[in-house]
Amino acid sequence: MAVLSQTQILERIDDGAILFEPHLDTFQLQAHAVDLRLGFTFIVAKQWRLTKNGREAVSVNPLKEGYHSDHFDVLELEEGQYFELLPNESVSVSSLESVRTPDDLMAILYPRSSVNRRGLSVDLTGIIDSGYEGQLVIPVKNNTNSQVIRLYPGERFCQIVFESLSDPVDARKSRYHKKDVIEGTAKEDAQEVSLITSGKIGDLKEKHRIISG
C-alpha cells in the first residue's frame, strides 16, 4: 500500500472518487493528509439515572439493544457555541465533514500533534473502510487532572490519511454507511450478539468460518 500525496488526493477529489461534504478549505490540505474539523454533535456518557429504586449507577452492556439511547446524552451545538471537556472526561464527537472513499482506497484517522499538546488524546478510530460514506466519530479524552479544555466545532482536530489498495475490493457496507453518527451506534449483528452473550464462541467460529478458495 502507498500513502496518497496532496496532489493525488486532489486528483481523486476532482474525479469524484473521494468526496468531502462540506468541501475542503485551504487550511485542511497537508502534504499527505487532510485535516478534519470537529462537528457539532457531542455524545456524552451518562453516569447515573433515576429509577423506581432510587439513583442508580449506569452499568454498560454494549451488546444490549437500546444501549446507546439509555446510556448517552447527545448534545447538538449551534454555531458560536463551544463544549468544555472536564478533567479526565471522555466524549465522542462527530466530524464536521462527511467522507466518501472509493473501492481502491482505505483511510486511517490520526490525531494532530497540536491537539495532543493541549492535554487531549484522540484515540485512533481504526480503518475507514473502502466504499464508506458518512461522518466519522472521534473519541476524545481530557487527560489532565484539573484543567477544563474548551472544544470548538469547526476547529481542525485530526488527520485522515488515504492509502491505495493493491486491488479494488468489493466493499461491505458497515452499519454506519450513509447514516447519522447516532444511528447505528452500538448495533451489532443479532446472531453474533446471541452467540457471544450465551458464551458459544466455538459455535460462532465454526458456523461463520471463512472458506477461502
N, C-alpha and C. Protein backbone atom coordinates (compact mmCIF):
# COMPACT_ATOMS: atom_id res chain seq x y z
N MET A 1 0.84 -1.20 0.00
CA MET A 1 0.00 0.00 0.00
C MET A 1 0.87 1.24 0.00
N ALA A 2 0.38 2.31 -0.59
CA ALA A 2 1.11 3.57 -0.65
C ALA A 2 0.21 4.70 -0.18
N VAL A 3 0.80 5.63 0.57
CA VAL A 3 0.05 6.79 1.06
C VAL A 3 -0.09 7.81 -0.06
N LEU A 4 -1.29 8.34 -0.23
CA LEU A 4 -1.53 9.34 -1.27
C LEU A 4 -0.94 10.69 -0.87
N SER A 5 -0.31 11.36 -1.82
CA SER A 5 0.20 12.71 -1.61
C SER A 5 -0.93 13.72 -1.79
N GLN A 6 -0.64 14.98 -1.45
CA GLN A 6 -1.65 16.03 -1.63
C GLN A 6 -2.13 16.09 -3.07
N THR A 7 -1.19 16.01 -4.02
CA THR A 7 -1.56 16.07 -5.43
C THR A 7 -2.50 14.93 -5.81
N GLN A 8 -2.18 13.74 -5.33
CA GLN A 8 -3.03 12.58 -5.64
C GLN A 8 -4.39 12.68 -4.98
N ILE A 9 -4.43 13.20 -3.76
CA ILE A 9 -5.71 13.39 -3.08
C ILE A 9 -6.59 14.36 -3.87
N LEU A 10 -6.00 15.46 -4.32
CA LEU A 10 -6.76 16.45 -5.09
C LEU A 10 -7.25 15.86 -6.41
N GLU A 11 -6.42 15.03 -7.04
CA GLU A 11 -6.84 14.39 -8.29
C GLU A 11 -8.05 13.48 -8.05
N ARG A 12 -8.03 12.74 -6.94
CA ARG A 12 -9.14 11.84 -6.66
C ARG A 12 -10.39 12.60 -6.25
N ILE A 13 -10.22 13.77 -5.63
CA ILE A 13 -11.37 14.62 -5.33
C ILE A 13 -11.95 15.18 -6.62
N ASP A 14 -11.08 15.63 -7.52
CA ASP A 14 -11.53 16.21 -8.79
C ASP A 14 -12.29 15.22 -9.64
N ASP A 15 -11.87 13.94 -9.61
CA ASP A 15 -12.59 12.95 -10.43
C ASP A 15 -13.78 12.33 -9.71
N GLY A 16 -14.04 12.81 -8.48
CA GLY A 16 -15.23 12.38 -7.75
C GLY A 16 -15.06 11.10 -6.96
N ALA A 17 -13.86 10.51 -6.96
CA ALA A 17 -13.66 9.26 -6.23
C ALA A 17 -13.66 9.48 -4.72
N ILE A 18 -13.01 10.54 -4.27
CA ILE A 18 -13.03 10.95 -2.86
C ILE A 18 -13.96 12.15 -2.74
N LEU A 19 -14.80 12.13 -1.73
CA LEU A 19 -15.74 13.23 -1.53
C LEU A 19 -15.69 13.71 -0.09
N PHE A 20 -15.62 15.02 0.09
CA PHE A 20 -15.78 15.65 1.39
C PHE A 20 -16.96 16.59 1.31
N GLU A 21 -17.86 16.50 2.28
CA GLU A 21 -19.04 17.38 2.33
C GLU A 21 -19.25 17.87 3.75
N PRO A 22 -19.13 19.17 4.04
CA PRO A 22 -18.85 20.25 3.09
C PRO A 22 -17.43 20.15 2.51
N HIS A 23 -17.21 20.89 1.41
CA HIS A 23 -15.93 20.80 0.70
C HIS A 23 -14.78 21.28 1.57
N LEU A 24 -13.58 20.87 1.21
CA LEU A 24 -12.39 21.25 1.97
C LEU A 24 -12.05 22.71 1.75
N ASP A 25 -11.31 23.27 2.72
CA ASP A 25 -10.75 24.61 2.55
C ASP A 25 -9.23 24.51 2.56
N THR A 26 -8.56 25.61 2.24
CA THR A 26 -7.10 25.58 2.06
C THR A 26 -6.35 25.26 3.35
N PHE A 27 -6.96 25.51 4.52
CA PHE A 27 -6.30 25.20 5.78
C PHE A 27 -6.17 23.69 6.01
N GLN A 28 -7.02 22.92 5.36
CA GLN A 28 -7.12 21.49 5.68
C GLN A 28 -6.15 20.61 4.92
N LEU A 29 -5.64 21.09 3.79
CA LEU A 29 -4.76 20.27 2.96
C LEU A 29 -3.35 20.24 3.51
N GLN A 30 -2.84 19.03 3.72
CA GLN A 30 -1.46 18.84 4.15
C GLN A 30 -0.70 18.07 3.06
N ALA A 31 0.60 17.87 3.26
CA ALA A 31 1.44 17.26 2.23
C ALA A 31 0.95 15.87 1.83
N HIS A 32 0.48 15.09 2.81
CA HIS A 32 -0.01 13.75 2.51
C HIS A 32 -1.18 13.38 3.42
N ALA A 33 -1.97 14.36 3.78
CA ALA A 33 -3.11 14.12 4.65
C ALA A 33 -4.11 15.26 4.51
N VAL A 34 -5.28 15.07 5.10
CA VAL A 34 -6.31 16.10 5.15
C VAL A 34 -6.73 16.27 6.60
N ASP A 35 -6.71 17.50 7.09
CA ASP A 35 -7.20 17.77 8.44
C ASP A 35 -8.72 17.77 8.43
N LEU A 36 -9.32 17.08 9.39
CA LEU A 36 -10.76 17.11 9.55
C LEU A 36 -11.13 18.06 10.68
N ARG A 37 -12.30 18.65 10.59
CA ARG A 37 -12.77 19.60 11.59
C ARG A 37 -13.80 18.94 12.51
N LEU A 38 -13.86 19.41 13.74
CA LEU A 38 -14.86 18.93 14.69
C LEU A 38 -16.25 19.31 14.23
N GLY A 39 -17.18 18.40 14.44
CA GLY A 39 -18.57 18.70 14.12
C GLY A 39 -19.32 19.26 15.31
N PHE A 40 -20.64 19.23 15.24
CA PHE A 40 -21.49 19.85 16.25
C PHE A 40 -22.15 18.84 17.19
N THR A 41 -21.96 17.55 16.93
CA THR A 41 -22.61 16.51 17.72
C THR A 41 -21.64 15.93 18.74
N PHE A 42 -21.99 16.04 20.03
CA PHE A 42 -21.18 15.52 21.12
C PHE A 42 -21.97 14.44 21.85
N ILE A 43 -21.35 13.29 22.04
CA ILE A 43 -22.00 12.15 22.68
C ILE A 43 -21.36 11.95 24.04
N VAL A 44 -22.14 12.15 25.11
CA VAL A 44 -21.61 12.16 26.48
C VAL A 44 -22.20 11.00 27.26
N ALA A 45 -21.34 10.19 27.87
CA ALA A 45 -21.80 9.03 28.64
C ALA A 45 -22.51 9.48 29.92
N LYS A 46 -23.63 8.85 30.22
CA LYS A 46 -24.33 9.11 31.48
C LYS A 46 -23.66 8.31 32.60
N GLN A 47 -23.62 8.90 33.79
CA GLN A 47 -23.03 8.22 34.94
C GLN A 47 -24.08 7.61 35.86
N TRP A 48 -25.28 8.17 35.85
CA TRP A 48 -26.32 7.64 36.72
C TRP A 48 -27.69 7.95 36.11
N ARG A 49 -28.71 7.27 36.65
CA ARG A 49 -30.08 7.54 36.23
C ARG A 49 -31.01 7.31 37.42
N LEU A 50 -32.18 7.90 37.36
CA LEU A 50 -33.15 7.76 38.43
C LEU A 50 -34.15 6.67 38.07
N THR A 51 -34.26 5.67 38.92
CA THR A 51 -35.19 4.56 38.71
C THR A 51 -36.18 4.51 39.87
N LYS A 52 -37.10 3.55 39.85
CA LYS A 52 -38.06 3.41 40.93
C LYS A 52 -37.38 3.05 42.25
N ASN A 53 -36.16 2.50 42.14
CA ASN A 53 -35.41 2.13 43.34
C ASN A 53 -34.54 3.26 43.88
N GLY A 54 -34.41 4.32 43.09
CA GLY A 54 -33.58 5.45 43.50
C GLY A 54 -32.55 5.78 42.44
N ARG A 55 -31.49 6.49 42.85
CA ARG A 55 -30.41 6.82 41.93
C ARG A 55 -29.48 5.62 41.76
N GLU A 56 -29.34 5.17 40.50
CA GLU A 56 -28.51 4.01 40.22
C GLU A 56 -27.40 4.38 39.26
N ALA A 57 -26.22 3.81 39.49
CA ALA A 57 -25.12 3.98 38.55
C ALA A 57 -25.47 3.29 37.24
N VAL A 58 -25.03 3.87 36.15
CA VAL A 58 -25.29 3.28 34.84
C VAL A 58 -24.25 2.20 34.58
N SER A 59 -24.69 0.98 34.40
CA SER A 59 -23.79 -0.11 34.03
C SER A 59 -23.87 -0.30 32.52
N VAL A 60 -22.73 -0.61 31.93
CA VAL A 60 -22.63 -0.63 30.48
C VAL A 60 -22.68 -2.06 29.95
N ASN A 61 -23.59 -2.28 29.01
CA ASN A 61 -23.65 -3.54 28.28
C ASN A 61 -23.80 -3.19 26.80
N PRO A 62 -22.67 -3.01 26.09
CA PRO A 62 -22.73 -2.51 24.72
C PRO A 62 -23.47 -3.42 23.75
N LEU A 63 -23.66 -4.69 24.09
CA LEU A 63 -24.34 -5.61 23.19
C LEU A 63 -25.85 -5.62 23.38
N LYS A 64 -26.33 -4.91 24.39
CA LYS A 64 -27.76 -4.89 24.67
C LYS A 64 -28.47 -3.92 23.73
N GLU A 65 -29.60 -4.34 23.21
CA GLU A 65 -30.40 -3.48 22.34
C GLU A 65 -30.84 -2.24 23.13
N GLY A 66 -30.73 -1.06 22.50
CA GLY A 66 -31.10 0.18 23.17
C GLY A 66 -30.00 0.73 24.03
N TYR A 67 -28.83 0.11 23.99
CA TYR A 67 -27.69 0.55 24.81
C TYR A 67 -27.38 2.03 24.62
N HIS A 68 -27.38 2.47 23.38
CA HIS A 68 -26.94 3.84 23.13
C HIS A 68 -27.89 4.86 23.73
N SER A 69 -29.18 4.76 23.46
CA SER A 69 -30.14 5.76 23.91
C SER A 69 -30.25 5.78 25.43
N ASP A 70 -30.01 4.65 26.07
CA ASP A 70 -30.13 4.58 27.53
C ASP A 70 -28.90 5.07 28.26
N HIS A 71 -27.78 5.12 27.60
CA HIS A 71 -26.52 5.34 28.30
C HIS A 71 -25.76 6.60 27.88
N PHE A 72 -26.30 7.34 26.93
CA PHE A 72 -25.61 8.53 26.45
C PHE A 72 -26.57 9.69 26.26
N ASP A 73 -26.06 10.89 26.51
CA ASP A 73 -26.75 12.11 26.13
C ASP A 73 -26.12 12.62 24.83
N VAL A 74 -26.96 13.07 23.91
CA VAL A 74 -26.47 13.60 22.65
C VAL A 74 -26.71 15.11 22.64
N LEU A 75 -25.63 15.87 22.53
CA LEU A 75 -25.71 17.33 22.52
C LEU A 75 -25.44 17.85 21.12
N GLU A 76 -26.36 18.63 20.59
CA GLU A 76 -26.18 19.25 19.28
C GLU A 76 -25.94 20.74 19.49
N LEU A 77 -24.70 21.18 19.29
CA LEU A 77 -24.36 22.59 19.50
C LEU A 77 -24.78 23.42 18.30
N GLU A 78 -24.94 24.71 18.54
CA GLU A 78 -25.23 25.67 17.48
C GLU A 78 -23.94 26.41 17.12
N GLU A 79 -23.94 27.09 15.99
CA GLU A 79 -22.78 27.89 15.61
C GLU A 79 -22.52 28.95 16.67
N GLY A 80 -21.25 29.10 17.05
CA GLY A 80 -20.88 30.06 18.08
C GLY A 80 -20.80 29.46 19.47
N GLN A 81 -21.32 28.24 19.66
CA GLN A 81 -21.24 27.57 20.95
C GLN A 81 -19.98 26.73 21.03
N TYR A 82 -19.59 26.39 22.26
CA TYR A 82 -18.42 25.54 22.48
C TYR A 82 -18.77 24.45 23.49
N PHE A 83 -17.84 23.52 23.67
CA PHE A 83 -18.04 22.40 24.59
C PHE A 83 -16.84 22.35 25.52
N GLU A 84 -17.08 22.42 26.84
CA GLU A 84 -15.99 22.34 27.80
C GLU A 84 -15.86 20.90 28.30
N LEU A 85 -14.69 20.33 28.03
CA LEU A 85 -14.41 18.95 28.40
C LEU A 85 -13.75 18.93 29.77
N LEU A 86 -14.38 18.25 30.72
CA LEU A 86 -13.93 18.25 32.11
C LEU A 86 -12.68 17.37 32.28
N PRO A 87 -11.92 17.60 33.35
CA PRO A 87 -10.74 16.76 33.61
C PRO A 87 -11.11 15.28 33.64
N ASN A 88 -10.33 14.48 32.91
CA ASN A 88 -10.50 13.02 32.82
C ASN A 88 -11.82 12.58 32.17
N GLU A 89 -12.52 13.51 31.56
CA GLU A 89 -13.78 13.16 30.89
C GLU A 89 -13.51 12.68 29.47
N SER A 90 -14.29 11.69 29.04
CA SER A 90 -14.22 11.17 27.68
C SER A 90 -15.57 11.40 26.99
N VAL A 91 -15.51 11.84 25.74
CA VAL A 91 -16.71 12.00 24.93
C VAL A 91 -16.40 11.52 23.51
N SER A 92 -17.43 11.41 22.72
CA SER A 92 -17.27 11.15 21.29
C SER A 92 -17.85 12.33 20.53
N VAL A 93 -17.17 12.72 19.46
CA VAL A 93 -17.56 13.90 18.69
C VAL A 93 -17.65 13.52 17.21
N SER A 94 -18.64 14.07 16.53
CA SER A 94 -18.74 13.83 15.10
C SER A 94 -17.72 14.69 14.36
N SER A 95 -17.30 14.20 13.20
CA SER A 95 -16.53 15.07 12.30
C SER A 95 -17.50 16.03 11.62
N LEU A 96 -16.99 17.21 11.29
CA LEU A 96 -17.83 18.15 10.53
C LEU A 96 -18.11 17.59 9.14
N GLU A 97 -17.08 17.00 8.55
CA GLU A 97 -17.19 16.53 7.19
C GLU A 97 -17.75 15.11 7.11
N SER A 98 -18.56 14.88 6.10
CA SER A 98 -18.89 13.54 5.69
C SER A 98 -17.86 13.13 4.63
N VAL A 99 -17.39 11.89 4.71
CA VAL A 99 -16.30 11.42 3.85
C VAL A 99 -16.78 10.25 3.01
N ARG A 100 -16.34 10.22 1.74
CA ARG A 100 -16.59 9.05 0.91
C ARG A 100 -15.28 8.55 0.35
N THR A 101 -15.03 7.23 0.49
CA THR A 101 -13.81 6.63 -0.04
C THR A 101 -14.18 5.65 -1.16
N PRO A 102 -13.38 5.58 -2.23
CA PRO A 102 -13.66 4.63 -3.32
C PRO A 102 -13.23 3.22 -2.96
N ASP A 103 -13.49 2.27 -3.86
CA ASP A 103 -13.22 0.87 -3.54
C ASP A 103 -11.76 0.47 -3.69
N ASP A 104 -10.90 1.40 -4.13
CA ASP A 104 -9.49 1.08 -4.25
C ASP A 104 -8.63 1.83 -3.23
N LEU A 105 -9.30 2.48 -2.26
CA LEU A 105 -8.59 3.20 -1.21
C LEU A 105 -9.16 2.85 0.15
N MET A 106 -8.32 2.90 1.17
CA MET A 106 -8.76 2.89 2.56
C MET A 106 -8.16 4.12 3.22
N ALA A 107 -8.59 4.43 4.44
CA ALA A 107 -8.07 5.60 5.12
C ALA A 107 -7.92 5.32 6.61
N ILE A 108 -7.04 6.07 7.24
CA ILE A 108 -6.79 5.94 8.68
C ILE A 108 -6.85 7.32 9.31
N LEU A 109 -7.45 7.39 10.48
CA LEU A 109 -7.58 8.66 11.20
C LEU A 109 -6.50 8.77 12.26
N TYR A 110 -5.77 9.90 12.27
CA TYR A 110 -4.71 10.14 13.24
C TYR A 110 -4.97 11.45 13.98
N PRO A 111 -4.53 11.56 15.24
CA PRO A 111 -4.66 12.84 15.96
C PRO A 111 -3.64 13.85 15.42
N ARG A 112 -3.96 15.12 15.53
CA ARG A 112 -2.99 16.17 15.24
C ARG A 112 -2.12 16.38 16.48
N SER A 113 -0.84 16.62 16.29
CA SER A 113 0.07 16.77 17.42
C SER A 113 -0.30 17.96 18.29
N SER A 114 -0.84 19.01 17.67
CA SER A 114 -1.23 20.20 18.43
C SER A 114 -2.36 19.88 19.41
N VAL A 115 -3.21 18.93 19.06
CA VAL A 115 -4.29 18.51 19.94
C VAL A 115 -3.73 17.75 21.14
N ASN A 116 -2.78 16.85 20.89
CA ASN A 116 -2.14 16.11 21.98
C ASN A 116 -1.46 17.06 22.97
N ARG A 117 -0.85 18.11 22.45
CA ARG A 117 -0.12 19.04 23.32
C ARG A 117 -1.05 19.82 24.25
N ARG A 118 -2.32 19.85 23.94
CA ARG A 118 -3.29 20.54 24.80
C ARG A 118 -3.72 19.68 25.98
N GLY A 119 -3.23 18.46 26.05
CA GLY A 119 -3.65 17.55 27.11
C GLY A 119 -4.79 16.64 26.71
N LEU A 120 -5.11 16.64 25.41
CA LEU A 120 -6.18 15.80 24.90
C LEU A 120 -5.60 14.56 24.24
N SER A 121 -6.34 13.48 24.26
CA SER A 121 -5.98 12.32 23.47
C SER A 121 -7.12 12.03 22.51
N VAL A 122 -6.75 11.74 21.29
CA VAL A 122 -7.71 11.33 20.27
C VAL A 122 -7.35 9.91 19.89
N ASP A 123 -8.17 8.97 20.34
CA ASP A 123 -7.86 7.58 20.05
C ASP A 123 -7.97 7.31 18.55
N LEU A 124 -7.05 6.48 18.05
CA LEU A 124 -7.16 6.05 16.67
C LEU A 124 -8.48 5.31 16.50
N THR A 125 -9.28 5.75 15.55
CA THR A 125 -10.59 5.12 15.38
C THR A 125 -10.53 3.97 14.39
N GLY A 126 -9.31 3.59 14.01
CA GLY A 126 -9.17 2.43 13.15
C GLY A 126 -9.27 2.78 11.68
N ILE A 127 -9.57 1.78 10.91
CA ILE A 127 -9.60 1.92 9.46
C ILE A 127 -10.95 2.47 9.01
N ILE A 128 -10.89 3.40 8.06
CA ILE A 128 -12.08 3.86 7.35
C ILE A 128 -12.17 3.00 6.10
N ASP A 129 -13.16 2.14 6.05
CA ASP A 129 -13.24 1.13 5.00
C ASP A 129 -13.37 1.74 3.62
N SER A 130 -12.82 1.04 2.64
CA SER A 130 -13.06 1.41 1.25
C SER A 130 -14.56 1.33 0.98
N GLY A 131 -15.08 2.29 0.25
CA GLY A 131 -16.51 2.33 -0.05
C GLY A 131 -17.36 2.99 1.02
N TYR A 132 -16.73 3.41 2.12
CA TYR A 132 -17.51 4.03 3.21
C TYR A 132 -17.96 5.43 2.81
N GLU A 133 -19.13 5.81 3.27
CA GLU A 133 -19.60 7.18 3.09
C GLU A 133 -20.37 7.61 4.33
N GLY A 134 -19.97 8.71 4.94
CA GLY A 134 -20.66 9.23 6.11
C GLY A 134 -19.73 10.04 6.99
N GLN A 135 -20.28 10.54 8.10
CA GLN A 135 -19.46 11.24 9.08
C GLN A 135 -18.63 10.22 9.87
N LEU A 136 -17.63 10.73 10.57
CA LEU A 136 -16.80 9.90 11.42
C LEU A 136 -17.03 10.27 12.88
N VAL A 137 -16.81 9.31 13.78
CA VAL A 137 -16.96 9.54 15.20
C VAL A 137 -15.56 9.55 15.83
N ILE A 138 -15.24 10.62 16.55
CA ILE A 138 -13.91 10.83 17.09
C ILE A 138 -13.96 10.71 18.62
N PRO A 139 -13.32 9.70 19.22
CA PRO A 139 -13.26 9.60 20.68
C PRO A 139 -12.22 10.58 21.22
N VAL A 140 -12.61 11.39 22.21
CA VAL A 140 -11.72 12.42 22.76
C VAL A 140 -11.71 12.31 24.28
N LYS A 141 -10.52 12.44 24.88
CA LYS A 141 -10.40 12.42 26.33
C LYS A 141 -9.53 13.57 26.80
N ASN A 142 -9.95 14.21 27.90
CA ASN A 142 -9.15 15.21 28.59
C ASN A 142 -8.26 14.48 29.59
N ASN A 143 -6.96 14.44 29.33
CA ASN A 143 -6.04 13.67 30.17
C ASN A 143 -5.54 14.43 31.39
N THR A 144 -5.94 15.68 31.54
CA THR A 144 -5.46 16.45 32.68
C THR A 144 -6.30 16.15 33.92
N ASN A 145 -5.73 16.44 35.08
CA ASN A 145 -6.43 16.20 36.34
C ASN A 145 -7.19 17.42 36.84
N SER A 146 -6.90 18.60 36.27
CA SER A 146 -7.51 19.81 36.85
C SER A 146 -7.95 20.84 35.81
N GLN A 147 -7.59 20.66 34.56
CA GLN A 147 -7.89 21.69 33.55
C GLN A 147 -9.13 21.35 32.74
N VAL A 148 -9.99 22.33 32.57
CA VAL A 148 -11.12 22.21 31.67
C VAL A 148 -10.65 22.67 30.29
N ILE A 149 -10.85 21.86 29.27
CA ILE A 149 -10.37 22.17 27.92
C ILE A 149 -11.57 22.45 27.03
N ARG A 150 -11.53 23.60 26.38
CA ARG A 150 -12.66 24.04 25.56
C ARG A 150 -12.48 23.56 24.12
N LEU A 151 -13.54 22.95 23.59
CA LEU A 151 -13.55 22.46 22.21
C LEU A 151 -14.53 23.30 21.39
N TYR A 152 -14.11 23.67 20.20
CA TYR A 152 -14.94 24.48 19.31
C TYR A 152 -15.30 23.69 18.06
N PRO A 153 -16.59 23.53 17.75
CA PRO A 153 -16.94 22.97 16.45
C PRO A 153 -16.28 23.77 15.33
N GLY A 154 -15.73 23.08 14.38
CA GLY A 154 -15.06 23.74 13.27
C GLY A 154 -13.55 23.75 13.39
N GLU A 155 -13.00 23.52 14.60
CA GLU A 155 -11.54 23.53 14.71
C GLU A 155 -10.96 22.26 14.09
N ARG A 156 -9.78 22.40 13.49
CA ARG A 156 -9.10 21.24 12.93
C ARG A 156 -8.60 20.36 14.07
N PHE A 157 -8.92 19.07 13.97
CA PHE A 157 -8.74 18.24 15.15
C PHE A 157 -7.97 16.95 14.89
N CYS A 158 -8.11 16.37 13.72
CA CYS A 158 -7.42 15.12 13.40
C CYS A 158 -7.11 15.08 11.91
N GLN A 159 -6.33 14.10 11.51
CA GLN A 159 -5.93 13.98 10.11
C GLN A 159 -6.39 12.66 9.53
N ILE A 160 -6.80 12.70 8.27
CA ILE A 160 -7.15 11.48 7.57
C ILE A 160 -6.10 11.22 6.50
N VAL A 161 -5.56 10.01 6.49
CA VAL A 161 -4.53 9.60 5.55
C VAL A 161 -5.12 8.52 4.65
N PHE A 162 -4.98 8.70 3.33
CA PHE A 162 -5.50 7.73 2.38
C PHE A 162 -4.38 6.81 1.90
N GLU A 163 -4.70 5.52 1.82
CA GLU A 163 -3.75 4.53 1.33
C GLU A 163 -4.38 3.73 0.20
N SER A 164 -3.61 3.53 -0.87
CA SER A 164 -4.12 2.77 -2.01
C SER A 164 -4.03 1.28 -1.73
N LEU A 165 -5.00 0.52 -2.23
CA LEU A 165 -5.02 -0.94 -2.09
C LEU A 165 -4.40 -1.58 -3.34
N SER A 166 -3.80 -2.73 -3.16
CA SER A 166 -3.20 -3.42 -4.30
C SER A 166 -4.25 -3.83 -5.31
N ASP A 167 -5.47 -4.12 -4.83
CA ASP A 167 -6.59 -4.45 -5.70
C ASP A 167 -7.85 -3.80 -5.14
N PRO A 168 -8.75 -3.32 -6.02
CA PRO A 168 -10.04 -2.84 -5.54
C PRO A 168 -10.78 -3.95 -4.82
N VAL A 169 -11.58 -3.59 -3.82
CA VAL A 169 -12.32 -4.59 -3.06
C VAL A 169 -13.82 -4.40 -3.26
N ASP A 170 -14.53 -5.48 -3.04
CA ASP A 170 -16.00 -5.41 -3.03
C ASP A 170 -16.39 -4.99 -1.62
N ALA A 171 -16.49 -3.69 -1.41
CA ALA A 171 -16.64 -3.15 -0.06
C ALA A 171 -17.97 -3.55 0.56
N ARG A 172 -17.90 -4.06 1.79
CA ARG A 172 -19.10 -4.38 2.56
C ARG A 172 -19.55 -3.12 3.27
N LYS A 173 -20.81 -2.78 3.14
CA LYS A 173 -21.33 -1.57 3.76
C LYS A 173 -21.45 -1.78 5.27
N SER A 174 -20.82 -0.90 6.05
CA SER A 174 -20.90 -1.01 7.50
C SER A 174 -22.23 -0.45 7.99
N ARG A 175 -22.53 -0.67 9.25
CA ARG A 175 -23.79 -0.18 9.81
C ARG A 175 -23.82 1.34 9.91
N TYR A 176 -22.66 1.99 9.72
CA TYR A 176 -22.61 3.45 9.78
C TYR A 176 -22.73 4.09 8.40
N HIS A 177 -22.76 3.28 7.35
CA HIS A 177 -22.72 3.80 5.98
C HIS A 177 -23.89 4.74 5.71
N LYS A 178 -23.58 5.97 5.34
CA LYS A 178 -24.57 6.99 4.98
C LYS A 178 -25.58 7.25 6.08
N LYS A 179 -25.17 7.05 7.34
CA LYS A 179 -26.09 7.27 8.45
C LYS A 179 -25.61 8.42 9.32
N ASP A 180 -26.55 9.00 10.04
CA ASP A 180 -26.20 9.96 11.08
C ASP A 180 -25.29 9.27 12.09
N VAL A 181 -24.40 10.05 12.73
CA VAL A 181 -23.42 9.44 13.64
C VAL A 181 -24.09 8.72 14.81
N ILE A 182 -25.32 9.09 15.16
CA ILE A 182 -26.02 8.44 16.26
C ILE A 182 -26.66 7.14 15.79
N GLU A 183 -27.25 7.16 14.62
CA GLU A 183 -27.96 5.98 14.11
C GLU A 183 -26.96 4.87 13.82
N GLY A 184 -27.22 3.71 14.34
CA GLY A 184 -26.36 2.56 14.07
C GLY A 184 -25.30 2.34 15.12
N THR A 185 -25.05 3.32 15.98
CA THR A 185 -24.03 3.13 17.00
C THR A 185 -24.42 2.02 17.95
N ALA A 186 -23.48 1.15 18.25
CA ALA A 186 -23.66 0.04 19.19
C ALA A 186 -24.68 -0.99 18.72
N LYS A 187 -24.95 -1.05 17.43
CA LYS A 187 -25.84 -2.07 16.90
C LYS A 187 -25.00 -3.12 16.19
N GLU A 188 -24.96 -4.32 16.75
CA GLU A 188 -24.20 -5.40 16.17
C GLU A 188 -25.17 -6.40 15.54
N ASP A 189 -24.61 -7.31 14.76
CA ASP A 189 -25.42 -8.36 14.15
C ASP A 189 -26.09 -9.20 15.25
N ALA A 190 -27.39 -9.40 15.15
CA ALA A 190 -28.16 -10.07 16.21
C ALA A 190 -27.68 -11.50 16.44
N GLN A 191 -27.35 -12.22 15.37
CA GLN A 191 -26.89 -13.60 15.52
C GLN A 191 -25.54 -13.65 16.22
N GLU A 192 -24.65 -12.74 15.85
CA GLU A 192 -23.34 -12.68 16.50
C GLU A 192 -23.49 -12.37 17.99
N VAL A 193 -24.33 -11.39 18.30
CA VAL A 193 -24.54 -11.00 19.70
C VAL A 193 -25.09 -12.16 20.51
N SER A 194 -26.05 -12.91 19.95
CA SER A 194 -26.65 -14.03 20.67
C SER A 194 -25.62 -15.09 21.02
N LEU A 195 -24.74 -15.39 20.07
CA LEU A 195 -23.71 -16.40 20.32
C LEU A 195 -22.68 -15.92 21.35
N ILE A 196 -22.34 -14.63 21.29
CA ILE A 196 -21.36 -14.09 22.23
C ILE A 196 -21.92 -14.07 23.65
N THR A 197 -23.12 -13.53 23.80
CA THR A 197 -23.69 -13.38 25.15
C THR A 197 -24.04 -14.72 25.79
N SER A 198 -24.24 -15.75 24.98
CA SER A 198 -24.52 -17.08 25.53
C SER A 198 -23.24 -17.89 25.72
N GLY A 199 -22.10 -17.28 25.40
CA GLY A 199 -20.82 -17.94 25.61
C GLY A 199 -20.46 -18.98 24.58
N LYS A 200 -21.16 -18.98 23.44
CA LYS A 200 -20.93 -20.02 22.43
C LYS A 200 -19.94 -19.52 21.38
N ILE A 201 -18.73 -19.22 21.83
CA ILE A 201 -17.72 -18.67 20.93
C ILE A 201 -17.27 -19.74 19.93
N GLY A 202 -17.16 -20.99 20.38
CA GLY A 202 -16.79 -22.07 19.48
C GLY A 202 -17.79 -22.22 18.35
N ASP A 203 -19.09 -22.12 18.69
CA ASP A 203 -20.13 -22.21 17.67
C ASP A 203 -20.03 -21.04 16.69
N LEU A 204 -19.75 -19.85 17.23
CA LEU A 204 -19.62 -18.67 16.37
C LEU A 204 -18.51 -18.88 15.34
N LYS A 205 -17.35 -19.33 15.82
CA LYS A 205 -16.21 -19.50 14.92
C LYS A 205 -16.47 -20.60 13.89
N GLU A 206 -17.19 -21.66 14.31
CA GLU A 206 -17.44 -22.78 13.40
C GLU A 206 -18.52 -22.44 12.38
N LYS A 207 -19.62 -21.84 12.84
CA LYS A 207 -20.73 -21.53 11.94
C LYS A 207 -20.39 -20.44 10.94
N HIS A 208 -19.47 -19.58 11.32
CA HIS A 208 -19.16 -18.43 10.48
C HIS A 208 -17.70 -18.47 10.02
N ARG A 209 -17.21 -19.66 9.83
CA ARG A 209 -15.84 -19.85 9.34
C ARG A 209 -15.70 -19.26 7.94
N ILE A 210 -14.58 -18.60 7.67
CA ILE A 210 -14.29 -18.10 6.34
C ILE A 210 -13.74 -19.25 5.50
N ILE A 211 -14.40 -19.53 4.39
CA ILE A 211 -13.97 -20.58 3.49
C ILE A 211 -13.23 -19.91 2.33
N SER A 212 -11.93 -20.12 2.24
CA SER A 212 -11.15 -19.49 1.18
C SER A 212 -11.04 -20.43 -0.02
N GLY A 213 -10.79 -19.81 -1.17
CA GLY A 213 -10.60 -20.61 -2.39
C GLY A 213 -11.91 -21.13 -2.92
